[in-house]
Amino acid sequence: QVQLVESGGGLVQPGGSLTLSCTASRNIFSIYTMGWYRQAPGQQREFVAAITSGGGTNYINSAKGRFTISRDNAKNTVFLQMNSLKPEDTAVYYCNAFWGLGYDYWGQGTQVTVSS
């Protein structure tokens, strides 16, 4: 089992920045892909960004150039730095750890609200 705890959400004005953190209960980054997803009210959960065990990264098109995913292996923590935030970025953001079938874990989510 892996527990994931997110933090760092909040209310920010358009154009502002936030950094989300996700701390895993044990050292898994050497084998798991870590990802961030989000779910806006009335919409399906969507992929935002991911970092593989090898350090490769991938982003949804709308996040490219604005968001950066990174990790601190010593602290078992993955980050999502979000810049130039837009109202359409408003959602609950979830951290995910994925290795394969049966090895798919989610955090509880953290709310991000972009509004003036």
PDB file of N, CA and C in Angstrom:
ATOM      1  N   GLN A   1       0.827  -1.196   0.000  1.00  0.00           N
ATOM      2  CA  GLN A   1       0.000   0.000   0.000  1.00  0.00           C
ATOM      3  C   GLN A   1       0.863   1.248   0.000  1.00  0.00           C
ATOM      4  N   VAL A   2       0.343   2.263  -0.653  1.00  0.00           N
ATOM      5  CA  VAL A   2       1.005   3.558  -0.691  1.00  0.00           C
ATOM      6  C   VAL A   2      -0.015   4.623  -0.335  1.00  0.00           C
ATOM      7  N   GLN A   3       0.319   5.463   0.602  1.00  0.00           N
ATOM      8  CA  GLN A   3      -0.529   6.613   0.928  1.00  0.00           C
ATOM      9  C   GLN A   3       0.094   7.864   0.310  1.00  0.00           C
ATOM     10  N   LEU A   4      -0.776   8.686  -0.243  1.00  0.00           N
ATOM     11  CA  LEU A   4      -0.347   9.932  -0.875  1.00  0.00           C
ATOM     12  C   LEU A   4      -1.084  11.086  -0.207  1.00  0.00           C
ATOM     13  N   VAL A   5      -0.353  12.108   0.167  1.00  0.00           N
ATOM     14  CA  VAL A   5      -0.952  13.265   0.820  1.00  0.00           C
ATOM     15  C   VAL A   5      -0.575  14.519   0.033  1.00  0.00           C
ATOM     16  N   GLU A   6      -1.607  15.196  -0.489  1.00  0.00           N
ATOM     17  CA  GLU A   6      -1.381  16.427  -1.244  1.00  0.00           C
ATOM     18  C   GLU A   6      -1.516  17.640  -0.329  1.00  0.00           C
ATOM     19  N   SER A   7      -0.869  18.709  -0.740  1.00  0.00           N
ATOM     20  CA  SER A   7      -1.011  19.995  -0.060  1.00  0.00           C
ATOM     21  C   SER A   7      -0.655  21.101  -1.047  1.00  0.00           C
ATOM     22  N   GLY A   8      -0.973  22.327  -0.654  1.00  0.00           N
ATOM     23  CA  GLY A   8      -0.564  23.473  -1.460  1.00  0.00           C
ATOM     24  C   GLY A   8      -1.658  24.138  -2.263  1.00  0.00           C
ATOM     25  N   GLY A   9      -2.858  23.575  -2.243  1.00  0.00           N
ATOM     26  CA  GLY A   9      -3.949  24.214  -2.969  1.00  0.00           C
ATOM     27  C   GLY A   9      -4.391  25.499  -2.303  1.00  0.00           C
ATOM     28  N   GLY A  10      -5.275  26.215  -2.982  1.00  0.00           N
ATOM     29  CA  GLY A  10      -5.787  27.452  -2.411  1.00  0.00           C
ATOM     30  C   GLY A  10      -6.429  28.324  -3.457  1.00  0.00           C
ATOM     31  N   LEU A  11      -6.673  29.565  -3.052  1.00  0.00           N
ATOM     32  CA  LEU A  11      -7.283  30.566  -3.922  1.00  0.00           C
ATOM     33  C   LEU A  11      -6.180  31.475  -4.456  1.00  0.00           C
ATOM     34  N   VAL A  12      -6.172  31.681  -5.759  1.00  0.00           N
ATOM     35  CA  VAL A  12      -5.157  32.528  -6.387  1.00  0.00           C
ATOM     36  C   VAL A  12      -5.816  33.333  -7.498  1.00  0.00           C
ATOM     37  N   GLN A  13      -5.314  34.522  -7.732  1.00  0.00           N
ATOM     38  CA  GLN A  13      -5.845  35.353  -8.807  1.00  0.00           C
ATOM     39  C   GLN A  13      -5.332  34.878 -10.163  1.00  0.00           C
ATOM     40  N   PRO A  14      -6.080  35.169 -11.211  1.00  0.00           N
ATOM     41  CA  PRO A  14      -5.582  34.829 -12.555  1.00  0.00           C
ATOM     42  C   PRO A  14      -4.197  35.432 -12.795  1.00  0.00           C
ATOM     43  N   GLY A  15      -3.332  34.626 -13.387  1.00  0.00           N
ATOM     44  CA  GLY A  15      -1.956  35.038 -13.608  1.00  0.00           C
ATOM     45  C   GLY A  15      -1.020  34.685 -12.472  1.00  0.00           C
ATOM     46  N   GLY A  16      -1.576  34.232 -11.365  1.00  0.00           N
ATOM     47  CA  GLY A  16      -0.763  33.884 -10.211  1.00  0.00           C
ATOM     48  C   GLY A  16      -0.163  32.488 -10.300  1.00  0.00           C
ATOM     49  N   SER A  17       0.496  32.114  -9.210  1.00  0.00           N
ATOM     50  CA  SER A  17       1.199  30.832  -9.167  1.00  0.00           C
ATOM     51  C   SER A  17       0.856  30.064  -7.892  1.00  0.00           C
ATOM     52  N   LEU A  18       0.940  28.759  -7.999  1.00  0.00           N
ATOM     53  CA  LEU A  18       0.801  27.867  -6.855  1.00  0.00           C
ATOM     54  C   LEU A  18       1.716  26.675  -7.070  1.00  0.00           C
ATOM     55  N   THR A  19       2.185  26.100  -5.975  1.00  0.00           N
ATOM     56  CA  THR A  19       2.940  24.858  -6.056  1.00  0.00           C
ATOM     57  C   THR A  19       2.240  23.804  -5.205  1.00  0.00           C
ATOM     58  N   LEU A  20       1.846  22.728  -5.842  1.00  0.00           N
ATOM     59  CA  LEU A  20       1.240  21.602  -5.148  1.00  0.00           C
ATOM     60  C   LEU A  20       2.324  20.590  -4.781  1.00  0.00           C
ATOM     61  N   SER A  21       2.130  19.954  -3.637  1.00  0.00           N
ATOM     62  CA  SER A  21       3.058  18.914  -3.181  1.00  0.00           C
ATOM     63  C   SER A  21       2.292  17.622  -2.924  1.00  0.00           C
ATOM     64  N   CYS A  22       2.950  16.528  -3.147  1.00  0.00           N
ATOM     65  CA  CYS A  22       2.377  15.203  -2.880  1.00  0.00           C
ATOM     66  C   CYS A  22       3.473  14.348  -2.250  1.00  0.00           C
ATOM     67  N   THR A  23       3.251  13.946  -1.013  1.00  0.00           N
ATOM     68  CA  THR A  23       4.236  13.139  -0.303  1.00  0.00           C
ATOM     69  C   THR A  23       3.746  11.704  -0.195  1.00  0.00           C
ATOM     70  N   ALA A  24       4.595  10.795  -0.615  1.00  0.00           N
ATOM     71  CA  ALA A  24       4.274   9.370  -0.552  1.00  0.00           C
ATOM     72  C   ALA A  24       4.746   8.771   0.770  1.00  0.00           C
ATOM     73  N   SER A  25       4.051   7.730   1.200  1.00  0.00           N
ATOM     74  CA  SER A  25       4.347   7.114   2.502  1.00  0.00           C
ATOM     75  C   SER A  25       5.636   6.303   2.495  1.00  0.00           C
ATOM     76  N   ARG A  26       6.151   6.003   1.308  1.00  0.00           N
ATOM     77  CA  ARG A  26       7.431   5.309   1.229  1.00  0.00           C
ATOM     78  C   ARG A  26       8.103   5.637  -0.097  1.00  0.00           C
ATOM     79  N   ASN A  27       9.327   5.207  -0.235  1.00  0.00           N
ATOM     80  CA  ASN A  27      10.126   5.528  -1.408  1.00  0.00           C
ATOM     81  C   ASN A  27       9.691   4.659  -2.595  1.00  0.00           C
ATOM     82  N   ILE A  28       8.985   5.278  -3.532  1.00  0.00           N
ATOM     83  CA  ILE A  28       8.448   4.517  -4.659  1.00  0.00           C
ATOM     84  C   ILE A  28       8.873   5.093  -6.007  1.00  0.00           C
ATOM     85  N   PHE A  29       9.550   6.223  -5.992  1.00  0.00           N
ATOM     86  CA  PHE A  29       9.786   6.936  -7.238  1.00  0.00           C
ATOM     87  C   PHE A  29      10.689   6.168  -8.205  1.00  0.00           C
ATOM     88  N   SER A  30      11.432   5.209  -7.693  1.00  0.00           N
ATOM     89  CA  SER A  30      12.327   4.466  -8.579  1.00  0.00           C
ATOM     90  C   SER A  30      11.573   3.487  -9.473  1.00  0.00           C
ATOM     91  N   ILE A  31      10.313   3.210  -9.145  1.00  0.00           N
ATOM     92  CA  ILE A  31       9.546   2.268  -9.959  1.00  0.00           C
ATOM     93  C   ILE A  31       8.186   2.808 -10.397  1.00  0.00           C
ATOM     94  N   TYR A  32       7.637   3.783  -9.678  1.00  0.00           N
ATOM     95  CA  TYR A  32       6.304   4.289  -9.996  1.00  0.00           C
ATOM     96  C   TYR A  32       6.376   5.528 -10.884  1.00  0.00           C
ATOM     97  N   THR A  33       5.395   5.652 -11.756  1.00  0.00           N
ATOM     98  CA  THR A  33       5.131   6.914 -12.431  1.00  0.00           C
ATOM     99  C   THR A  33       4.226   7.741 -11.532  1.00  0.00           C
ATOM    100  N   MET A  34       4.628   8.974 -11.285  1.00  0.00           N
ATOM    101  CA  MET A  34       3.838   9.879 -10.449  1.00  0.00           C
ATOM    102  C   MET A  34       3.135  10.885 -11.341  1.00  0.00           C
ATOM    103  N   GLY A  35       1.860  11.089 -11.056  1.00  0.00           N
ATOM    104  CA  GLY A  35       1.104  11.995 -11.907  1.00  0.00           C
ATOM    105  C   GLY A  35       0.203  12.927 -11.119  1.00  0.00           C
ATOM    106  N   TRP A  36      -0.194  13.972 -11.803  1.00  0.00           N
ATOM    107  CA  TRP A  36      -1.203  14.900 -11.288  1.00  0.00           C
ATOM    108  C   TRP A  36      -2.396  14.883 -12.246  1.00  0.00           C
ATOM    109  N   TYR A  37      -3.579  14.791 -11.667  1.00  0.00           N
ATOM    110  CA  TYR A  37      -4.827  14.841 -12.400  1.00  0.00           C
ATOM    111  C   TYR A  37      -5.685  15.928 -11.761  1.00  0.00           C
ATOM    112  N   ARG A  38      -6.726  16.337 -12.481  1.00  0.00           N
ATOM    113  CA  ARG A  38      -7.638  17.316 -11.901  1.00  0.00           C
ATOM    114  C   ARG A  38      -9.067  17.016 -12.340  1.00  0.00           C
ATOM    115  N   GLN A  39      -9.987  17.477 -11.509  1.00  0.00           N
ATOM    116  CA  GLN A  39     -11.399  17.296 -11.806  1.00  0.00           C
ATOM    117  C   GLN A  39     -12.158  18.555 -11.447  1.00  0.00           C
ATOM    118  N   ALA A  40     -12.730  19.170 -12.461  1.00  0.00           N
ATOM    119  CA  ALA A  40     -13.550  20.352 -12.265  1.00  0.00           C
ATOM    120  C   ALA A  40     -14.989  19.912 -12.033  1.00  0.00           C
ATOM    121  N   PRO A  41     -15.804  20.766 -11.404  1.00  0.00           N
ATOM    122  CA  PRO A  41     -17.203  20.399 -11.121  1.00  0.00           C
ATOM    123  C   PRO A  41     -17.939  19.999 -12.400  1.00  0.00           C
ATOM    124  N   GLY A  42     -18.607  18.864 -12.356  1.00  0.00           N
ATOM    125  CA  GLY A  42     -19.384  18.407 -13.484  1.00  0.00           C
ATOM    126  C   GLY A  42     -18.583  17.818 -14.627  1.00  0.00           C
ATOM    127  N   GLN A  43     -17.278  17.687 -14.434  1.00  0.00           N
ATOM    128  CA  GLN A  43     -16.432  17.161 -15.505  1.00  0.00           C
ATOM    129  C   GLN A  43     -15.698  15.906 -15.052  1.00  0.00           C
ATOM    130  N   GLN A  44     -15.187  15.167 -16.023  1.00  0.00           N
ATOM    131  CA  GLN A  44     -14.412  13.982 -15.702  1.00  0.00           C
ATOM    132  C   GLN A  44     -13.003  14.363 -15.252  1.00  0.00           C
ATOM    133  N   ARG A  45     -12.408  13.465 -14.495  1.00  0.00           N
ATOM    134  CA  ARG A  45     -11.038  13.673 -14.082  1.00  0.00           C
ATOM    135  C   ARG A  45     -10.143  13.598 -15.311  1.00  0.00           C
ATOM    136  N   GLU A  46      -9.188  14.542 -15.402  1.00  0.00           N
ATOM    137  CA  GLU A  46      -8.301  14.552 -16.553  1.00  0.00           C
ATOM    138  C   GLU A  46      -6.841  14.583 -16.128  1.00  0.00           C
ATOM    139  N   PHE A  47      -6.023  14.020 -16.988  1.00  0.00           N
ATOM    140  CA  PHE A  47      -4.582  14.016 -16.770  1.00  0.00           C
ATOM    141  C   PHE A  47      -4.030  15.433 -16.910  1.00  0.00           C
ATOM    142  N   VAL A  48      -3.056  15.776 -16.054  1.00  0.00           N
ATOM    143  CA  VAL A  48      -2.403  17.080 -16.136  1.00  0.00           C
ATOM    144  C   VAL A  48      -0.916  16.929 -16.452  1.00  0.00           C
ATOM    145  N   ALA A  49      -0.234  16.112 -15.647  1.00  0.00           N
ATOM    146  CA  ALA A  49       1.217  15.972 -15.831  1.00  0.00           C
ATOM    147  C   ALA A  49       1.677  14.686 -15.168  1.00  0.00           C
ATOM    148  N   ALA A  50       2.811  14.173 -15.636  1.00  0.00           N
ATOM    149  CA  ALA A  50       3.373  12.969 -15.039  1.00  0.00           C
ATOM    150  C   ALA A  50       4.888  12.987 -15.148  1.00  0.00           C
ATOM    151  N   ILE A  51       5.515  12.264 -14.224  1.00  0.00           N
ATOM    152  CA  ILE A  51       6.958  12.067 -14.262  1.00  0.00           C
ATOM    153  C   ILE A  51       7.228  10.586 -14.044  1.00  0.00           C
ATOM    154  N   THR A  52       7.980   9.989 -14.947  1.00  0.00           N
ATOM    155  CA  THR A  52       8.231   8.554 -14.870  1.00  0.00           C
ATOM    156  C   THR A  52       9.360   8.250 -13.888  1.00  0.00           C
ATOM    157  N   SER A  53       9.543   6.970 -13.636  1.00  0.00           N
ATOM    158  CA  SER A  53      10.626   6.565 -12.746  1.00  0.00           C
ATOM    159  C   SER A  53      11.983   6.994 -13.316  1.00  0.00           C
ATOM    160  N   GLY A  54      12.073   7.110 -14.623  1.00  0.00           N
ATOM    161  CA  GLY A  54      13.317   7.535 -15.254  1.00  0.00           C
ATOM    162  C   GLY A  54      13.486   9.033 -15.347  1.00  0.00           C
ATOM    163  N   GLY A  55      12.466   9.761 -14.924  1.00  0.00           N
ATOM    164  CA  GLY A  55      12.551  11.222 -14.912  1.00  0.00           C
ATOM    165  C   GLY A  55      11.928  11.901 -16.117  1.00  0.00           C
ATOM    166  N   GLY A  56      11.395  11.133 -17.045  1.00  0.00           N
ATOM    167  CA  GLY A  56      10.708  11.735 -18.170  1.00  0.00           C
ATOM    168  C   GLY A  56       9.412  12.383 -17.750  1.00  0.00           C
ATOM    169  N   THR A  57       9.044  13.464 -18.431  1.00  0.00           N
ATOM    170  CA  THR A  57       7.835  14.188 -18.068  1.00  0.00           C
ATOM    171  C   THR A  57       6.889  14.294 -19.254  1.00  0.00           C
ATOM    172  N   ASN A  58       5.620  14.472 -18.918  1.00  0.00           N
ATOM    173  CA  ASN A  58       4.592  14.610 -19.932  1.00  0.00           C
ATOM    174  C   ASN A  58       3.518  15.541 -19.382  1.00  0.00           C
ATOM    175  N   TYR A  59       2.904  16.334 -20.268  1.00  0.00           N
ATOM    176  CA  TYR A  59       1.917  17.324 -19.833  1.00  0.00           C
ATOM    177  C   TYR A  59       0.734  17.352 -20.779  1.00  0.00           C
ATOM    178  N   ILE A  60      -0.419  17.706 -20.221  1.00  0.00           N
ATOM    179  CA  ILE A  60      -1.546  18.031 -21.061  1.00  0.00           C
ATOM    180  C   ILE A  60      -1.186  19.302 -21.825  1.00  0.00           C
ATOM    181  N   ASN A  61      -1.710  19.430 -23.048  1.00  0.00           N
ATOM    182  CA  ASN A  61      -1.319  20.566 -23.887  1.00  0.00           C
ATOM    183  C   ASN A  61      -1.543  21.908 -23.202  1.00  0.00           C
ATOM    184  N   SER A  62      -2.640  22.035 -22.482  1.00  0.00           N
ATOM    185  CA  SER A  62      -2.963  23.324 -21.863  1.00  0.00           C
ATOM    186  C   SER A  62      -2.009  23.689 -20.725  1.00  0.00           C
ATOM    187  N   ALA A  63      -1.234  22.727 -20.254  1.00  0.00           N
ATOM    188  CA  ALA A  63      -0.295  22.973 -19.157  1.00  0.00           C
ATOM    189  C   ALA A  63       1.131  23.214 -19.649  1.00  0.00           C
ATOM    190  N   LYS A  64       1.412  22.877 -20.875  1.00  0.00           N
ATOM    191  CA  LYS A  64       2.774  23.025 -21.398  1.00  0.00           C
ATOM    192  C   LYS A  64       3.205  24.487 -21.381  1.00  0.00           C
ATOM    193  N   GLY A  65       4.378  24.723 -20.833  1.00  0.00           N
ATOM    194  CA  GLY A  65       4.899  26.076 -20.728  1.00  0.00           C
ATOM    195  C   GLY A  65       4.441  26.816 -19.491  1.00  0.00           C
ATOM    196  N   ARG A  66       3.456  26.276 -18.786  1.00  0.00           N
ATOM    197  CA  ARG A  66       2.962  26.929 -17.563  1.00  0.00           C
ATOM    198  C   ARG A  66       3.200  26.096 -16.319  1.00  0.00           C
ATOM    199  N   PHE A  67       3.076  24.769 -16.436  1.00  0.00           N
ATOM    200  CA  PHE A  67       3.216  23.874 -15.286  1.00  0.00           C
ATOM    201  C   PHE A  67       4.517  23.092 -15.406  1.00  0.00           C
ATOM    202  N   THR A  68       5.090  22.778 -14.248  1.00  0.00           N
ATOM    203  CA  THR A  68       6.287  21.952 -14.206  1.00  0.00           C
ATOM    204  C   THR A  68       6.139  20.899 -13.114  1.00  0.00           C
ATOM    205  N   ILE A  69       6.305  19.644 -13.489  1.00  0.00           N
ATOM    206  CA  ILE A  69       6.292  18.570 -12.503  1.00  0.00           C
ATOM    207  C   ILE A  69       7.734  18.203 -12.167  1.00  0.00           C
ATOM    208  N   SER A  70       7.977  17.973 -10.880  1.00  0.00           N
ATOM    209  CA  SER A  70       9.320  17.603 -10.445  1.00  0.00           C
ATOM    210  C   SER A  70       9.185  16.756  -9.192  1.00  0.00           C
ATOM    211  N   ARG A  71      10.306  16.229  -8.718  1.00  0.00           N
ATOM    212  CA  ARG A  71      10.245  15.392  -7.521  1.00  0.00           C
ATOM    213  C   ARG A  71      11.526  15.541  -6.712  1.00  0.00           C
ATOM    214  N   ASP A  72      11.371  15.276  -5.422  1.00  0.00           N
ATOM    215  CA  ASP A  72      12.500  15.228  -4.491  1.00  0.00           C
ATOM    216  C   ASP A  72      12.538  13.808  -3.940  1.00  0.00           C
ATOM    217  N   ASN A  73      13.442  13.011  -4.459  1.00  0.00           N
ATOM    218  CA  ASN A  73      13.478  11.605  -4.073  1.00  0.00           C
ATOM    219  C   ASN A  73      13.766  11.425  -2.587  1.00  0.00           C
ATOM    220  N   ALA A  74      14.597  12.274  -2.029  1.00  0.00           N
ATOM    221  CA  ALA A  74      14.963  12.146  -0.618  1.00  0.00           C
ATOM    222  C   ALA A  74      13.774  12.395   0.304  1.00  0.00           C
ATOM    223  N   LYS A  75      12.812  13.200  -0.172  1.00  0.00           N
ATOM    224  CA  LYS A  75      11.646  13.533   0.644  1.00  0.00           C
ATOM    225  C   LYS A  75      10.388  12.796   0.191  1.00  0.00           C
ATOM    226  N   ASN A  76      10.539  11.896  -0.787  1.00  0.00           N
ATOM    227  CA  ASN A  76       9.390  11.138  -1.310  1.00  0.00           C
ATOM    228  C   ASN A  76       8.264  12.072  -1.739  1.00  0.00           C
ATOM    229  N   THR A  77       8.614  13.205  -2.319  1.00  0.00           N
ATOM    230  CA  THR A  77       7.638  14.239  -2.639  1.00  0.00           C
ATOM    231  C   THR A  77       7.725  14.616  -4.108  1.00  0.00           C
ATOM    232  N   VAL A  78       6.575  14.730  -4.723  1.00  0.00           N
ATOM    233  CA  VAL A  78       6.468  15.215  -6.092  1.00  0.00           C
ATOM    234  C   VAL A  78       5.734  16.551  -6.059  1.00  0.00           C
ATOM    235  N   PHE A  79       6.151  17.455  -6.942  1.00  0.00           N
ATOM    236  CA  PHE A  79       5.614  18.806  -6.959  1.00  0.00           C
ATOM    237  C   PHE A  79       4.954  19.106  -8.305  1.00  0.00           C
ATOM    238  N   LEU A  80       4.019  20.031  -8.271  1.00  0.00           N
ATOM    239  CA  LEU A  80       3.476  20.594  -9.504  1.00  0.00           C
ATOM    240  C   LEU A  80       3.520  22.111  -9.345  1.00  0.00           C
ATOM    241  N   GLN A  81       4.470  22.724 -10.010  1.00  0.00           N
ATOM    242  CA  GLN A  81       4.570  24.170 -10.024  1.00  0.00           C
ATOM    243  C   GLN A  81       3.667  24.692 -11.125  1.00  0.00           C
ATOM    244  N   MET A  82       2.724  25.551 -10.745  1.00  0.00           N
ATOM    245  CA  MET A  82       1.742  26.078 -11.700  1.00  0.00           C
ATOM    246  C   MET A  82       1.886  27.589 -11.778  1.00  0.00           C
ATOM    247  N   ASN A  83       2.197  28.076 -12.964  1.00  0.00           N
ATOM    248  CA  ASN A  83       2.337  29.505 -13.209  1.00  0.00           C
ATOM    249  C   ASN A  83       1.273  29.978 -14.201  1.00  0.00           C
ATOM    250  N   SER A  84       1.099  31.276 -14.265  1.00  0.00           N
ATOM    251  CA  SER A  84       0.148  31.873 -15.215  1.00  0.00           C
ATOM    252  C   SER A  84      -1.207  31.183 -15.140  1.00  0.00           C
ATOM    253  N   LEU A  85      -1.690  31.023 -13.930  1.00  0.00           N
ATOM    254  CA  LEU A  85      -2.931  30.277 -13.733  1.00  0.00           C
ATOM    255  C   LEU A  85      -4.124  31.004 -14.340  1.00  0.00           C
ATOM    256  N   LYS A  86      -5.068  30.207 -14.844  1.00  0.00           N
ATOM    257  CA  LYS A  86      -6.268  30.709 -15.493  1.00  0.00           C
ATOM    258  C   LYS A  86      -7.493  30.193 -14.752  1.00  0.00           C
ATOM    259  N   PRO A  87      -8.620  30.891 -14.872  1.00  0.00           N
ATOM    260  CA  PRO A  87      -9.846  30.400 -14.216  1.00  0.00           C
ATOM    261  C   PRO A  87     -10.177  28.952 -14.613  1.00  0.00           C
ATOM    262  N   GLU A  88      -9.863  28.573 -15.826  1.00  0.00           N
ATOM    263  CA  GLU A  88     -10.164  27.206 -16.260  1.00  0.00           C
ATOM    264  C   GLU A  88      -9.254  26.156 -15.633  1.00  0.00           C
ATOM    265  N   ASP A  89      -8.251  26.572 -14.876  1.00  0.00           N
ATOM    266  CA  ASP A  89      -7.433  25.642 -14.097  1.00  0.00           C
ATOM    267  C   ASP A  89      -8.085  25.275 -12.769  1.00  0.00           C
ATOM    268  N   THR A  90      -9.186  25.921 -12.455  1.00  0.00           N
ATOM    269  CA  THR A  90      -9.895  25.638 -11.209  1.00  0.00           C
ATOM    270  C   THR A  90     -10.394  24.203 -11.187  1.00  0.00           C
ATOM    271  N   ALA A  91     -10.017  23.470 -10.150  1.00  0.00           N
ATOM    272  CA  ALA A  91     -10.377  22.057 -10.044  1.00  0.00           C
ATOM    273  C   ALA A  91      -9.834  21.504  -8.733  1.00  0.00           C
ATOM    274  N   VAL A  92     -10.254  20.296  -8.416  1.00  0.00           N
ATOM    275  CA  VAL A  92      -9.579  19.526  -7.378  1.00  0.00           C
ATOM    276  C   VAL A  92      -8.442  18.771  -8.055  1.00  0.00           C
ATOM    277  N   TYR A  93      -7.248  18.927  -7.515  1.00  0.00           N
ATOM    278  CA  TYR A  93      -6.063  18.293  -8.087  1.00  0.00           C
ATOM    279  C   TYR A  93      -5.703  17.053  -7.255  1.00  0.00           C
ATOM    280  N   TYR A  94      -5.470  15.963  -7.962  1.00  0.00           N
ATOM    281  CA  TYR A  94      -5.188  14.687  -7.313  1.00  0.00           C
ATOM    282  C   TYR A  94      -3.806  14.190  -7.713  1.00  0.00           C
ATOM    283  N   CYS A  95      -3.121  13.646  -6.750  1.00  0.00           N
ATOM    284  CA  CYS A  95      -1.840  12.996  -6.990  1.00  0.00           C
ATOM    285  C   CYS A  95      -2.078  11.503  -7.235  1.00  0.00           C
ATOM    286  N   ASN A  96      -1.314  10.938  -8.150  1.00  0.00           N
ATOM    287  CA  ASN A  96      -1.463   9.525  -8.495  1.00  0.00           C
ATOM    288  C   ASN A  96      -0.101   8.851  -8.557  1.00  0.00           C
ATOM    289  N   ALA A  97      -0.067   7.624  -8.061  1.00  0.00           N
ATOM    290  CA  ALA A  97       1.125   6.782  -8.183  1.00  0.00           C
ATOM    291  C   ALA A  97       0.719   5.515  -8.924  1.00  0.00           C
ATOM    292  N   PHE A  98       1.405   5.222 -10.030  1.00  0.00           N
ATOM    293  CA  PHE A  98       1.002   4.102 -10.877  1.00  0.00           C
ATOM    294  C   PHE A  98       2.209   3.262 -11.245  1.00  0.00           C
ATOM    295  N   TRP A  99       2.025   1.929 -11.079  1.00  0.00           N
ATOM    296  CA  TRP A  99       3.089   0.990 -11.492  1.00  0.00           C
ATOM    297  C   TRP A  99       2.534  -0.038 -12.461  1.00  0.00           C
ATOM    298  N   GLY A 100       1.298  -0.450 -12.192  1.00  0.00           N
ATOM    299  CA  GLY A 100       0.670  -1.432 -13.041  1.00  0.00           C
ATOM    300  C   GLY A 100      -0.663  -1.831 -12.436  1.00  0.00           C
ATOM    301  N   LEU A 101      -1.289  -2.850 -13.020  1.00  0.00           N
ATOM    302  CA  LEU A 101      -2.589  -3.304 -12.542  1.00  0.00           C
ATOM    303  C   LEU A 101      -2.496  -3.693 -11.067  1.00  0.00           C
ATOM    304  N   GLY A 102      -3.357  -3.061 -10.272  1.00  0.00           N
ATOM    305  CA  GLY A 102      -3.366  -3.316  -8.844  1.00  0.00           C
ATOM    306  C   GLY A 102      -2.406  -2.452  -8.051  1.00  0.00           C
ATOM    307  N   TYR A 103      -1.631  -1.653  -8.767  1.00  0.00           N
ATOM    308  CA  TYR A 103      -0.673  -0.752  -8.116  1.00  0.00           C
ATOM    309  C   TYR A 103      -0.941   0.661  -8.608  1.00  0.00           C
ATOM    310  N   ASP A 104      -2.082   1.182  -8.210  1.00  0.00           N
ATOM    311  CA  ASP A 104      -2.590   2.463  -8.682  1.00  0.00           C
ATOM    312  C   ASP A 104      -3.197   3.170  -7.480  1.00  0.00           C
ATOM    313  N   TYR A 105      -2.547   4.216  -7.008  1.00  0.00           N
ATOM    314  CA  TYR A 105      -2.948   4.860  -5.759  1.00  0.00           C
ATOM    315  C   TYR A 105      -3.245   6.340  -5.992  1.00  0.00           C
ATOM    316  N   TRP A 106      -4.190   6.864  -5.173  1.00  0.00           N
ATOM    317  CA  TRP A 106      -4.624   8.249  -5.307  1.00  0.00           C
ATOM    318  C   TRP A 106      -4.572   8.953  -3.966  1.00  0.00           C
ATOM    319  N   GLY A 107      -4.281  10.238  -4.016  1.00  0.00           N
ATOM    320  CA  GLY A 107      -4.405  11.070  -2.835  1.00  0.00           C
ATOM    321  C   GLY A 107      -5.829  11.546  -2.680  1.00  0.00           C
ATOM    322  N   GLN A 108      -6.056  12.342  -1.633  1.00  0.00           N
ATOM    323  CA  GLN A 108      -7.406  12.785  -1.301  1.00  0.00           C
ATOM    324  C   GLN A 108      -7.826  14.014  -2.107  1.00  0.00           C
ATOM    325  N   GLY A 109      -6.872  14.672  -2.734  1.00  0.00           N
ATOM    326  CA  GLY A 109      -7.170  15.842  -3.551  1.00  0.00           C
ATOM    327  C   GLY A 109      -6.965  17.148  -2.798  1.00  0.00           C
ATOM    328  N   THR A 110      -6.633  18.173  -3.556  1.00  0.00           N
ATOM    329  CA  THR A 110      -6.492  19.515  -2.995  1.00  0.00           C
ATOM    330  C   THR A 110      -7.134  20.506  -3.956  1.00  0.00           C
ATOM    331  N   GLN A 111      -7.909  21.429  -3.402  1.00  0.00           N
ATOM    332  CA  GLN A 111      -8.674  22.364  -4.225  1.00  0.00           C
ATOM    333  C   GLN A 111      -7.795  23.519  -4.700  1.00  0.00           C
ATOM    334  N   VAL A 112      -7.878  23.796  -5.978  1.00  0.00           N
ATOM    335  CA  VAL A 112      -7.243  24.974  -6.562  1.00  0.00           C
ATOM    336  C   VAL A 112      -8.340  25.826  -7.182  1.00  0.00           C
ATOM    337  N   THR A 113      -8.439  27.073  -6.750  1.00  0.00           N
ATOM    338  CA  THR A 113      -9.429  27.996  -7.271  1.00  0.00           C
ATOM    339  C   THR A 113      -8.725  29.222  -7.821  1.00  0.00           C
ATOM    340  N   VAL A 114      -8.958  29.507  -9.094  1.00  0.00           N
ATOM    341  CA  VAL A 114      -8.359  30.664  -9.743  1.00  0.00           C
ATOM    342  C   VAL A 114      -9.474  31.662 -10.033  1.00  0.00           C
ATOM    343  N   SER A 115      -9.450  32.749  -9.300  1.00  0.00           N
ATOM    344  CA  SER A 115     -10.540  33.718  -9.407  1.00  0.00           C
ATOM    345  C   SER A 115     -10.075  35.071  -8.905  1.00  0.00           C
ATOM    346  N   SER A 116     -10.640  36.102  -9.491  1.00  0.00           N
ATOM    347  CA  SER A 116     -10.350  37.466  -9.034  1.00  0.00           C
ATOM    348  C   SER A 116     -11.388  37.917  -8.019  1.00  0.00           C
TER     349      SER A 116
END
